[in-house]
Amino acid sequence: MQRSAQIERNTLETRISVSVDLDGKGESLLTTGMPFLEHMLDQVARHGMMDISIQAEGDLHIDGHHTAEDIGITLGQAVAQAVGDKKGIRRYGHAYVPLDEALARVVVDFSGRAGLEFAVEFPRAKVGDFDTELFYEFFQGFVNHAGVTLHVDSLRGRNVHHIAETLFKAFGRALRMALEPDPRMAGITPSTKGSL
């Protein structure tokens, strides 16, 4: 069964097309006008072993808020569509990822309930030209539309680039674990309620 999806989102602020293949090779094709976010999304593809294509045009002449948030929204919608009824997946995923002095922990539950806990402090307001506050907006958009519970924790770090990179690598690894087929749960919804 192919676990892939393509979603388009067109508003007065952004035009976004996203496609995902949850069982891909970790490849990405990203054109967003936000180079640092593209670098982070490439980490999700590579470490999540999913193929991600994102083409986005947004009102970057104002700032990056709408584009970052709407990319999160559209990616969340695509992942939700690709995973389908969630039968046979592990459901839960977690990862710790270090990068030099930085260490992140990300835990995800494909619960069907949107919830984000984001315990991250960045020592600077920008990394490159990217506003670090927009990472929260990206994850909130993703969570709301993927229907997941997500805990994102930066446990330590001084370098903003390192902190951000650990978060996105751990996010990709946690997604990969949660979305992997569990042979012992084949055809079974991973919930005592019988639905997610």
N, C-alpha and C. Protein backbone atom coordinates (compact mmCIF):
# COMPACT_ATOMS: atom_id res chain seq x y z
N MET A 1 0.84 -1.18 0.00
CA MET A 1 0.00 0.00 0.00
C MET A 1 0.88 1.24 0.00
N GLN A 2 0.67 2.11 -0.95
CA GLN A 2 1.49 3.31 -1.06
C GLN A 2 1.01 4.37 -0.07
N ARG A 3 1.95 4.84 0.75
CA ARG A 3 1.61 5.86 1.76
C ARG A 3 2.18 7.19 1.30
N SER A 4 1.45 7.83 0.42
CA SER A 4 1.90 9.11 -0.13
C SER A 4 0.69 10.02 -0.30
N ALA A 5 0.99 11.31 -0.43
CA ALA A 5 -0.08 12.29 -0.59
C ALA A 5 0.47 13.55 -1.21
N GLN A 6 -0.41 14.30 -1.84
CA GLN A 6 -0.07 15.62 -2.38
C GLN A 6 -1.17 16.59 -1.97
N ILE A 7 -0.76 17.73 -1.42
CA ILE A 7 -1.69 18.73 -0.92
C ILE A 7 -1.30 20.10 -1.49
N GLU A 8 -2.30 20.89 -1.85
CA GLU A 8 -2.06 22.28 -2.25
C GLU A 8 -2.84 23.20 -1.32
N ARG A 9 -2.22 24.31 -0.98
CA ARG A 9 -2.86 25.33 -0.14
C ARG A 9 -2.61 26.68 -0.79
N ASN A 10 -3.69 27.34 -1.16
CA ASN A 10 -3.59 28.65 -1.79
C ASN A 10 -4.42 29.66 -0.99
N THR A 11 -3.74 30.67 -0.48
CA THR A 11 -4.42 31.74 0.25
C THR A 11 -3.95 33.08 -0.32
N LEU A 12 -4.45 34.16 0.24
CA LEU A 12 -3.99 35.48 -0.18
C LEU A 12 -2.55 35.75 0.25
N GLU A 13 -2.05 34.92 1.18
CA GLU A 13 -0.70 35.12 1.71
C GLU A 13 0.33 34.14 1.16
N THR A 14 -0.12 32.92 0.82
CA THR A 14 0.83 31.89 0.37
C THR A 14 0.20 31.00 -0.69
N ARG A 15 1.08 30.41 -1.50
CA ARG A 15 0.69 29.35 -2.44
C ARG A 15 1.68 28.22 -2.21
N ILE A 16 1.17 27.07 -1.75
CA ILE A 16 2.06 25.99 -1.34
C ILE A 16 1.59 24.66 -1.91
N SER A 17 2.54 23.89 -2.42
CA SER A 17 2.28 22.53 -2.87
C SER A 17 3.25 21.60 -2.15
N VAL A 18 2.71 20.57 -1.51
CA VAL A 18 3.52 19.62 -0.75
C VAL A 18 3.18 18.21 -1.19
N SER A 19 4.20 17.40 -1.40
CA SER A 19 3.98 15.97 -1.59
C SER A 19 4.91 15.21 -0.66
N VAL A 20 4.40 14.10 -0.13
CA VAL A 20 5.20 13.26 0.76
C VAL A 20 5.03 11.80 0.37
N ASP A 21 6.08 11.04 0.58
CA ASP A 21 6.05 9.59 0.48
C ASP A 21 6.69 9.08 1.77
N LEU A 22 5.86 8.52 2.65
CA LEU A 22 6.34 8.11 3.97
C LEU A 22 7.34 6.96 3.90
N ASP A 23 7.35 6.24 2.78
CA ASP A 23 8.26 5.10 2.62
C ASP A 23 9.31 5.39 1.55
N GLY A 24 9.76 6.62 1.53
CA GLY A 24 10.71 7.04 0.51
C GLY A 24 12.15 6.73 0.85
N LYS A 25 13.05 7.48 0.21
CA LYS A 25 14.49 7.26 0.37
C LYS A 25 15.17 8.38 1.13
N GLY A 26 14.38 9.31 1.67
CA GLY A 26 14.96 10.43 2.41
C GLY A 26 15.36 11.58 1.51
N GLU A 27 14.69 11.70 0.37
CA GLU A 27 15.03 12.75 -0.59
C GLU A 27 14.09 13.95 -0.43
N SER A 28 14.62 15.13 -0.73
CA SER A 28 13.81 16.34 -0.64
C SER A 28 14.02 17.22 -1.86
N LEU A 29 12.95 17.93 -2.20
CA LEU A 29 12.98 18.95 -3.25
C LEU A 29 12.26 20.15 -2.67
N LEU A 30 13.00 21.20 -2.33
CA LEU A 30 12.46 22.29 -1.53
C LEU A 30 12.75 23.63 -2.18
N THR A 31 11.69 24.38 -2.44
CA THR A 31 11.81 25.74 -2.95
C THR A 31 10.81 26.60 -2.18
N THR A 32 11.31 27.30 -1.16
CA THR A 32 10.41 28.04 -0.28
C THR A 32 10.76 29.52 -0.14
N GLY A 33 11.93 29.92 -0.61
CA GLY A 33 12.39 31.28 -0.37
C GLY A 33 12.95 31.48 1.02
N MET A 34 13.03 30.38 1.80
CA MET A 34 13.56 30.42 3.18
C MET A 34 14.66 29.37 3.30
N PRO A 35 15.88 29.72 2.94
CA PRO A 35 16.95 28.72 2.86
C PRO A 35 17.22 27.96 4.15
N PHE A 36 17.16 28.63 5.29
CA PHE A 36 17.46 27.89 6.52
C PHE A 36 16.34 26.89 6.84
N LEU A 37 15.09 27.27 6.61
CA LEU A 37 14.00 26.32 6.82
C LEU A 37 14.14 25.14 5.87
N GLU A 38 14.56 25.39 4.64
CA GLU A 38 14.80 24.29 3.70
C GLU A 38 15.87 23.35 4.23
N HIS A 39 16.92 23.90 4.81
CA HIS A 39 17.99 23.08 5.40
C HIS A 39 17.41 22.19 6.50
N MET A 40 16.50 22.74 7.29
CA MET A 40 15.89 21.98 8.37
C MET A 40 14.94 20.91 7.83
N LEU A 41 14.14 21.25 6.84
CA LEU A 41 13.21 20.29 6.26
C LEU A 41 13.94 19.15 5.56
N ASP A 42 15.10 19.44 5.00
CA ASP A 42 15.93 18.38 4.42
C ASP A 42 16.34 17.38 5.49
N GLN A 43 16.60 17.87 6.71
CA GLN A 43 16.94 16.96 7.82
C GLN A 43 15.77 16.03 8.13
N VAL A 44 14.54 16.58 8.10
CA VAL A 44 13.36 15.76 8.37
C VAL A 44 13.24 14.64 7.33
N ALA A 45 13.42 15.00 6.06
CA ALA A 45 13.35 13.99 5.00
C ALA A 45 14.41 12.92 5.19
N ARG A 46 15.64 13.34 5.39
CA ARG A 46 16.76 12.39 5.47
C ARG A 46 16.65 11.48 6.68
N HIS A 47 16.36 12.07 7.83
CA HIS A 47 16.32 11.28 9.06
C HIS A 47 14.99 10.58 9.23
N GLY A 48 13.95 11.08 8.58
CA GLY A 48 12.65 10.41 8.62
C GLY A 48 12.50 9.36 7.53
N MET A 49 13.48 9.28 6.64
CA MET A 49 13.43 8.36 5.49
C MET A 49 12.11 8.48 4.74
N MET A 50 11.71 9.76 4.54
CA MET A 50 10.53 10.03 3.73
C MET A 50 10.93 11.02 2.64
N ASP A 51 10.27 10.94 1.52
CA ASP A 51 10.52 11.90 0.44
C ASP A 51 9.56 13.06 0.64
N ILE A 52 10.11 14.27 0.60
CA ILE A 52 9.32 15.48 0.80
C ILE A 52 9.61 16.46 -0.33
N SER A 53 8.56 16.93 -0.97
CA SER A 53 8.68 17.99 -1.97
C SER A 53 7.80 19.15 -1.51
N ILE A 54 8.39 20.35 -1.43
CA ILE A 54 7.64 21.54 -1.02
C ILE A 54 7.98 22.68 -1.96
N GLN A 55 6.97 23.21 -2.62
CA GLN A 55 7.11 24.41 -3.44
C GLN A 55 6.24 25.48 -2.79
N ALA A 56 6.85 26.56 -2.36
CA ALA A 56 6.09 27.58 -1.63
C ALA A 56 6.45 28.97 -2.14
N GLU A 57 5.41 29.79 -2.30
CA GLU A 57 5.56 31.22 -2.58
C GLU A 57 4.74 31.95 -1.53
N GLY A 58 5.38 32.85 -0.80
CA GLY A 58 4.68 33.56 0.25
C GLY A 58 5.01 35.03 0.27
N ASP A 59 4.36 35.73 1.18
CA ASP A 59 4.57 37.18 1.29
C ASP A 59 5.81 37.49 2.13
N LEU A 60 6.95 37.01 1.65
CA LEU A 60 8.22 37.19 2.36
C LEU A 60 8.65 38.65 2.40
N HIS A 61 8.06 39.49 1.55
CA HIS A 61 8.38 40.92 1.61
C HIS A 61 7.83 41.54 2.90
N ILE A 62 6.86 40.85 3.52
CA ILE A 62 6.36 41.30 4.83
C ILE A 62 7.23 40.67 5.91
N ASP A 63 7.16 39.37 6.04
CA ASP A 63 8.09 38.58 6.86
C ASP A 63 7.82 37.11 6.57
N GLY A 64 8.48 36.23 7.30
CA GLY A 64 8.38 34.80 7.01
C GLY A 64 7.27 34.08 7.74
N HIS A 65 6.49 34.79 8.55
CA HIS A 65 5.52 34.13 9.43
C HIS A 65 4.51 33.28 8.67
N HIS A 66 3.82 33.87 7.69
CA HIS A 66 2.77 33.14 6.98
C HIS A 66 3.34 31.94 6.23
N THR A 67 4.51 32.12 5.63
CA THR A 67 5.09 31.04 4.84
C THR A 67 5.50 29.88 5.73
N ALA A 68 6.19 30.15 6.83
CA ALA A 68 6.63 29.08 7.74
C ALA A 68 5.44 28.34 8.33
N GLU A 69 4.44 29.09 8.79
CA GLU A 69 3.25 28.46 9.38
C GLU A 69 2.50 27.63 8.36
N ASP A 70 2.31 28.17 7.16
CA ASP A 70 1.53 27.47 6.14
C ASP A 70 2.27 26.25 5.60
N ILE A 71 3.59 26.28 5.59
CA ILE A 71 4.35 25.08 5.23
C ILE A 71 4.09 24.00 6.28
N GLY A 72 4.10 24.37 7.54
CA GLY A 72 3.79 23.41 8.60
C GLY A 72 2.39 22.84 8.44
N ILE A 73 1.42 23.71 8.17
CA ILE A 73 0.03 23.28 7.98
C ILE A 73 -0.07 22.28 6.83
N THR A 74 0.50 22.63 5.69
CA THR A 74 0.36 21.81 4.48
C THR A 74 1.11 20.49 4.62
N LEU A 75 2.29 20.53 5.24
CA LEU A 75 3.03 19.29 5.48
C LEU A 75 2.24 18.39 6.44
N GLY A 76 1.65 18.99 7.47
CA GLY A 76 0.82 18.21 8.39
C GLY A 76 -0.35 17.55 7.69
N GLN A 77 -1.02 18.28 6.80
CA GLN A 77 -2.13 17.72 6.05
C GLN A 77 -1.67 16.56 5.17
N ALA A 78 -0.52 16.73 4.53
CA ALA A 78 -0.01 15.68 3.65
C ALA A 78 0.34 14.42 4.43
N VAL A 79 0.99 14.58 5.57
CA VAL A 79 1.36 13.42 6.39
C VAL A 79 0.09 12.71 6.88
N ALA A 80 -0.90 13.49 7.34
CA ALA A 80 -2.14 12.89 7.82
C ALA A 80 -2.83 12.09 6.72
N GLN A 81 -2.86 12.64 5.51
CA GLN A 81 -3.50 11.94 4.40
C GLN A 81 -2.71 10.68 4.03
N ALA A 82 -1.38 10.79 4.03
CA ALA A 82 -0.54 9.65 3.63
C ALA A 82 -0.63 8.50 4.62
N VAL A 83 -0.75 8.80 5.91
CA VAL A 83 -0.78 7.73 6.92
C VAL A 83 -2.14 7.04 6.97
N GLY A 84 -3.19 7.71 6.49
CA GLY A 84 -4.49 7.07 6.38
C GLY A 84 -5.10 6.72 7.72
N ASP A 85 -5.63 5.51 7.85
CA ASP A 85 -6.36 5.12 9.06
C ASP A 85 -5.44 4.70 10.21
N LYS A 86 -4.13 4.70 9.97
CA LYS A 86 -3.10 4.43 10.99
C LYS A 86 -3.03 2.97 11.43
N LYS A 87 -3.77 2.11 10.77
CA LYS A 87 -3.69 0.69 11.12
C LYS A 87 -2.28 0.17 10.84
N GLY A 88 -1.76 -0.57 11.81
CA GLY A 88 -0.48 -1.24 11.63
C GLY A 88 0.75 -0.40 11.88
N ILE A 89 0.60 0.89 12.26
CA ILE A 89 1.79 1.71 12.55
C ILE A 89 2.15 1.58 14.03
N ARG A 90 3.36 2.00 14.35
CA ARG A 90 3.79 1.96 15.76
C ARG A 90 3.10 3.02 16.60
N ARG A 91 2.69 4.11 15.99
CA ARG A 91 1.95 5.23 16.60
C ARG A 91 2.85 6.18 17.37
N TYR A 92 3.70 5.67 18.24
CA TYR A 92 4.57 6.51 19.06
C TYR A 92 5.99 6.49 18.50
N GLY A 93 6.64 7.64 18.58
CA GLY A 93 8.04 7.71 18.18
C GLY A 93 8.78 8.71 19.04
N HIS A 94 10.05 8.47 19.24
CA HIS A 94 10.87 9.38 20.03
C HIS A 94 12.31 9.34 19.55
N ALA A 95 13.02 10.41 19.80
CA ALA A 95 14.43 10.46 19.41
C ALA A 95 15.17 11.50 20.23
N TYR A 96 16.37 11.16 20.60
CA TYR A 96 17.34 12.10 21.15
C TYR A 96 18.40 12.31 20.08
N VAL A 97 18.74 13.55 19.80
CA VAL A 97 19.77 13.83 18.80
C VAL A 97 20.74 14.88 19.35
N PRO A 98 22.05 14.56 19.37
CA PRO A 98 23.05 15.54 19.74
C PRO A 98 23.69 16.15 18.50
N LEU A 99 24.20 17.35 18.65
CA LEU A 99 25.08 17.97 17.66
C LEU A 99 26.04 18.85 18.43
N ASP A 100 27.25 18.36 18.60
CA ASP A 100 28.24 19.03 19.44
C ASP A 100 27.67 19.31 20.82
N GLU A 101 27.53 20.57 21.20
CA GLU A 101 27.07 20.90 22.56
C GLU A 101 25.55 20.85 22.71
N ALA A 102 24.83 20.72 21.61
CA ALA A 102 23.36 20.77 21.64
C ALA A 102 22.77 19.37 21.72
N LEU A 103 21.63 19.28 22.41
CA LEU A 103 20.94 18.00 22.55
C LEU A 103 19.44 18.26 22.55
N ALA A 104 18.71 17.52 21.70
CA ALA A 104 17.25 17.67 21.61
C ALA A 104 16.56 16.34 21.82
N ARG A 105 15.34 16.45 22.31
CA ARG A 105 14.46 15.28 22.45
C ARG A 105 13.12 15.63 21.82
N VAL A 106 12.64 14.75 20.94
CA VAL A 106 11.32 14.92 20.33
C VAL A 106 10.55 13.62 20.50
N VAL A 107 9.30 13.77 20.95
CA VAL A 107 8.40 12.62 21.14
C VAL A 107 7.09 12.92 20.42
N VAL A 108 6.60 11.96 19.63
CA VAL A 108 5.38 12.17 18.86
C VAL A 108 4.41 11.01 19.08
N ASP A 109 3.13 11.33 19.07
CA ASP A 109 2.05 10.36 19.17
C ASP A 109 1.03 10.68 18.08
N PHE A 110 0.80 9.75 17.18
CA PHE A 110 -0.23 9.93 16.15
C PHE A 110 -1.59 9.60 16.76
N SER A 111 -1.97 10.44 17.70
CA SER A 111 -3.14 10.23 18.56
C SER A 111 -4.45 10.66 17.92
N GLY A 112 -4.38 11.52 16.90
CA GLY A 112 -5.57 12.14 16.37
C GLY A 112 -5.94 13.41 17.12
N ARG A 113 -5.17 13.73 18.16
CA ARG A 113 -5.41 14.94 18.95
C ARG A 113 -4.22 15.87 18.78
N ALA A 114 -4.50 17.11 18.44
CA ALA A 114 -3.44 18.09 18.25
C ALA A 114 -2.99 18.64 19.59
N GLY A 115 -1.69 18.55 19.85
CA GLY A 115 -1.13 19.13 21.06
C GLY A 115 0.36 19.34 20.89
N LEU A 116 0.83 20.53 21.22
CA LEU A 116 2.24 20.85 21.10
C LEU A 116 2.77 21.36 22.43
N GLU A 117 3.85 20.74 22.89
CA GLU A 117 4.65 21.26 24.00
C GLU A 117 6.02 21.58 23.42
N PHE A 118 6.40 22.84 23.49
CA PHE A 118 7.61 23.33 22.82
C PHE A 118 8.48 24.02 23.86
N ALA A 119 9.45 23.30 24.38
CA ALA A 119 10.32 23.84 25.42
C ALA A 119 11.70 24.09 24.83
N VAL A 120 11.80 25.20 24.13
CA VAL A 120 13.04 25.55 23.41
C VAL A 120 13.32 27.03 23.63
N GLU A 121 14.54 27.31 24.06
CA GLU A 121 14.99 28.70 24.17
C GLU A 121 16.18 28.89 23.24
N PHE A 122 16.05 29.85 22.35
CA PHE A 122 17.14 30.16 21.43
C PHE A 122 17.94 31.35 21.97
N PRO A 123 19.26 31.26 21.99
CA PRO A 123 20.06 32.37 22.51
C PRO A 123 20.05 33.62 21.63
N ARG A 124 19.62 33.47 20.38
CA ARG A 124 19.52 34.62 19.48
C ARG A 124 18.19 34.58 18.76
N ALA A 125 17.74 35.74 18.30
CA ALA A 125 16.44 35.84 17.65
C ALA A 125 16.47 35.37 16.20
N LYS A 126 17.66 35.28 15.61
CA LYS A 126 17.77 34.86 14.21
C LYS A 126 18.88 33.83 14.05
N VAL A 127 18.68 32.97 13.05
CA VAL A 127 19.75 32.10 12.58
C VAL A 127 19.80 32.34 11.07
N GLY A 128 20.90 32.90 10.62
CA GLY A 128 20.93 33.42 9.26
C GLY A 128 19.90 34.54 9.15
N ASP A 129 19.03 34.46 8.15
CA ASP A 129 17.95 35.44 8.00
C ASP A 129 16.63 34.95 8.57
N PHE A 130 16.64 33.80 9.24
CA PHE A 130 15.41 33.17 9.69
C PHE A 130 15.13 33.53 11.15
N ASP A 131 13.90 33.99 11.42
CA ASP A 131 13.49 34.31 12.79
C ASP A 131 13.25 33.01 13.55
N THR A 132 13.95 32.82 14.67
CA THR A 132 13.83 31.57 15.41
C THR A 132 12.43 31.36 15.99
N GLU A 133 11.67 32.43 16.21
CA GLU A 133 10.30 32.26 16.73
C GLU A 133 9.40 31.55 15.73
N LEU A 134 9.81 31.51 14.46
CA LEU A 134 8.98 30.86 13.44
C LEU A 134 9.06 29.34 13.49
N PHE A 135 10.05 28.79 14.21
CA PHE A 135 10.08 27.34 14.38
C PHE A 135 8.83 26.88 15.13
N TYR A 136 8.45 27.62 16.16
CA TYR A 136 7.23 27.28 16.89
C TYR A 136 6.02 27.31 15.96
N GLU A 137 5.93 28.34 15.12
CA GLU A 137 4.79 28.46 14.21
C GLU A 137 4.73 27.30 13.23
N PHE A 138 5.90 26.86 12.75
CA PHE A 138 5.94 25.70 11.86
C PHE A 138 5.41 24.46 12.57
N PHE A 139 5.92 24.19 13.77
CA PHE A 139 5.50 22.98 14.48
C PHE A 139 4.03 23.05 14.88
N GLN A 140 3.55 24.23 15.28
CA GLN A 140 2.14 24.36 15.64
C GLN A 140 1.24 24.10 14.43
N GLY A 141 1.61 24.62 13.28
CA GLY A 141 0.86 24.35 12.06
C GLY A 141 0.84 22.87 11.73
N PHE A 142 2.00 22.22 11.86
CA PHE A 142 2.09 20.79 11.57
C PHE A 142 1.19 19.99 12.51
N VAL A 143 1.31 20.24 13.80
CA VAL A 143 0.57 19.51 14.82
C VAL A 143 -0.93 19.64 14.60
N ASN A 144 -1.40 20.86 14.37
CA ASN A 144 -2.83 21.10 14.22
C ASN A 144 -3.44 20.33 13.06
N HIS A 145 -2.66 20.12 12.00
CA HIS A 145 -3.21 19.53 10.79
C HIS A 145 -2.79 18.08 10.58
N ALA A 146 -1.76 17.62 11.27
CA ALA A 146 -1.42 16.20 11.23
C ALA A 146 -2.21 15.43 12.29
N GLY A 147 -2.75 16.16 13.29
CA GLY A 147 -3.48 15.51 14.36
C GLY A 147 -2.58 14.68 15.25
N VAL A 148 -1.46 15.27 15.66
CA VAL A 148 -0.50 14.57 16.52
C VAL A 148 -0.27 15.33 17.81
N THR A 149 0.17 14.61 18.81
CA THR A 149 0.71 15.21 20.02
C THR A 149 2.23 15.21 19.86
N LEU A 150 2.85 16.37 20.08
CA LEU A 150 4.28 16.52 19.82
C LEU A 150 4.94 17.26 20.97
N HIS A 151 5.97 16.67 21.53
CA HIS A 151 6.79 17.31 22.56
C HIS A 151 8.17 17.57 21.95
N VAL A 152 8.57 18.83 21.93
CA VAL A 152 9.85 19.24 21.36
C VAL A 152 10.64 19.92 22.47
N ASP A 153 11.75 19.33 22.85
CA ASP A 153 12.55 19.84 23.97
C ASP A 153 14.00 20.01 23.57
N SER A 154 14.52 21.20 23.78
CA SER A 154 15.96 21.43 23.67
C SER A 154 16.54 21.25 25.07
N LEU A 155 17.34 20.23 25.25
CA LEU A 155 17.86 19.90 26.57
C LEU A 155 19.10 20.70 26.92
N ARG A 156 19.86 21.07 25.89
CA ARG A 156 21.00 21.97 26.10
C ARG A 156 21.49 22.46 24.75
N GLY A 157 22.26 23.52 24.78
CA GLY A 157 22.84 24.05 23.55
C GLY A 157 23.14 25.52 23.67
N ARG A 158 24.16 25.96 22.92
CA ARG A 158 24.55 27.37 22.89
C ARG A 158 24.46 27.94 21.48
N ASN A 159 24.79 27.13 20.49
CA ASN A 159 24.81 27.57 19.10
C ASN A 159 23.41 27.41 18.50
N VAL A 160 22.85 28.51 17.98
CA VAL A 160 21.47 28.49 17.48
C VAL A 160 21.29 27.50 16.34
N HIS A 161 22.25 27.47 15.44
CA HIS A 161 22.17 26.53 14.32
C HIS A 161 22.14 25.09 14.84
N HIS A 162 23.01 24.78 15.79
CA HIS A 162 23.05 23.43 16.35
C HIS A 162 21.74 23.08 17.03
N ILE A 163 21.20 24.01 17.80
CA ILE A 163 19.94 23.75 18.51
C ILE A 163 18.84 23.43 17.51
N ALA A 164 18.68 24.27 16.50
CA ALA A 164 17.63 24.06 15.50
C ALA A 164 17.83 22.73 14.77
N GLU A 165 19.05 22.44 14.42
CA GLU A 165 19.30 21.22 13.65
C GLU A 165 18.99 19.97 14.46
N THR A 166 19.33 19.99 15.76
CA THR A 166 19.00 18.82 16.59
C THR A 166 17.49 18.63 16.66
N LEU A 167 16.73 19.73 16.74
CA LEU A 167 15.28 19.62 16.81
C LEU A 167 14.71 18.95 15.57
N PHE A 168 15.16 19.37 14.40
CA PHE A 168 14.58 18.85 13.17
C PHE A 168 15.06 17.43 12.86
N LYS A 169 16.30 17.12 13.20
CA LYS A 169 16.76 15.74 13.03
C LYS A 169 15.97 14.81 13.95
N ALA A 170 15.78 15.22 15.20
CA ALA A 170 15.02 14.40 16.14
C ALA A 170 13.57 14.27 15.70
N PHE A 171 13.01 15.36 15.16
CA PHE A 171 11.64 15.32 14.64
C PHE A 171 11.52 14.28 13.54
N GLY A 172 12.46 14.28 12.59
CA GLY A 172 12.44 13.30 11.52
C GLY A 172 12.57 11.88 12.04
N ARG A 173 13.48 11.67 12.99
CA ARG A 173 13.68 10.32 13.55
C ARG A 173 12.45 9.84 14.31
N ALA A 174 11.82 10.75 15.07
CA ALA A 174 10.61 10.39 15.82
C ALA A 174 9.46 10.04 14.87
N LEU A 175 9.30 10.83 13.81
CA LEU A 175 8.28 10.53 12.81
C LEU A 175 8.52 9.16 12.18
N ARG A 176 9.75 8.89 11.85
CA ARG A 176 10.09 7.61 11.22
C ARG A 176 9.69 6.44 12.12
N MET A 177 10.02 6.55 13.40
CA MET A 177 9.69 5.47 14.33
C MET A 177 8.18 5.30 14.45
N ALA A 178 7.46 6.41 14.62
CA ALA A 178 6.01 6.34 14.82
C ALA A 178 5.28 5.79 13.60
N LEU A 179 5.78 6.11 12.42
CA LEU A 179 5.09 5.75 11.18
C LEU A 179 5.50 4.39 10.62
N GLU A 180 6.52 3.78 11.21
CA GLU A 180 6.97 2.47 10.73
C GLU A 180 5.87 1.43 10.92
N PRO A 181 5.70 0.57 9.94
CA PRO A 181 4.76 -0.55 10.12
C PRO A 181 5.27 -1.47 11.24
N ASP A 182 4.34 -1.88 12.09
CA ASP A 182 4.65 -2.82 13.17
C ASP A 182 4.07 -4.18 12.76
N PRO A 183 4.93 -5.15 12.42
CA PRO A 183 4.43 -6.42 11.90
C PRO A 183 3.49 -7.14 12.88
N ARG A 184 3.65 -6.90 14.15
CA ARG A 184 2.79 -7.55 15.14
C ARG A 184 1.42 -6.87 15.24
N MET A 185 1.30 -5.66 14.63
CA MET A 185 0.04 -4.91 14.66
C MET A 185 -0.59 -4.81 13.28
N ALA A 186 -0.20 -5.67 12.37
CA ALA A 186 -0.69 -5.58 10.98
C ALA A 186 -2.21 -5.60 10.96
N GLY A 187 -2.79 -4.54 10.34
CA GLY A 187 -4.23 -4.43 10.20
C GLY A 187 -4.95 -4.02 11.46
N ILE A 188 -4.21 -3.72 12.51
CA ILE A 188 -4.82 -3.36 13.80
C ILE A 188 -4.57 -1.89 14.09
N THR A 189 -5.59 -1.19 14.58
CA THR A 189 -5.45 0.19 15.00
C THR A 189 -4.76 0.22 16.36
N PRO A 190 -3.66 0.95 16.51
CA PRO A 190 -2.91 0.94 17.77
C PRO A 190 -3.57 1.80 18.86
N SER A 191 -4.76 1.38 19.27
CA SER A 191 -5.50 2.09 20.30
C SER A 191 -6.50 1.17 20.95
N THR A 192 -6.66 1.27 22.27
CA THR A 192 -7.67 0.46 22.96
C THR A 192 -9.08 0.87 22.57
N LYS A 193 -9.23 2.09 22.04
CA LYS A 193 -10.54 2.55 21.59
C LYS A 193 -10.93 1.96 20.24
N GLY A 194 -9.95 1.45 19.51
CA GLY A 194 -10.22 0.89 18.20
C GLY A 194 -10.22 1.90 17.07
N SER A 195 -9.96 3.18 17.40
CA SER A 195 -9.87 4.21 16.36
C SER A 195 -8.98 5.33 16.87
N LEU A 196 -8.38 6.03 15.90
CA LEU A 196 -7.54 7.18 16.23
C LEU A 196 -7.99 8.36 15.39
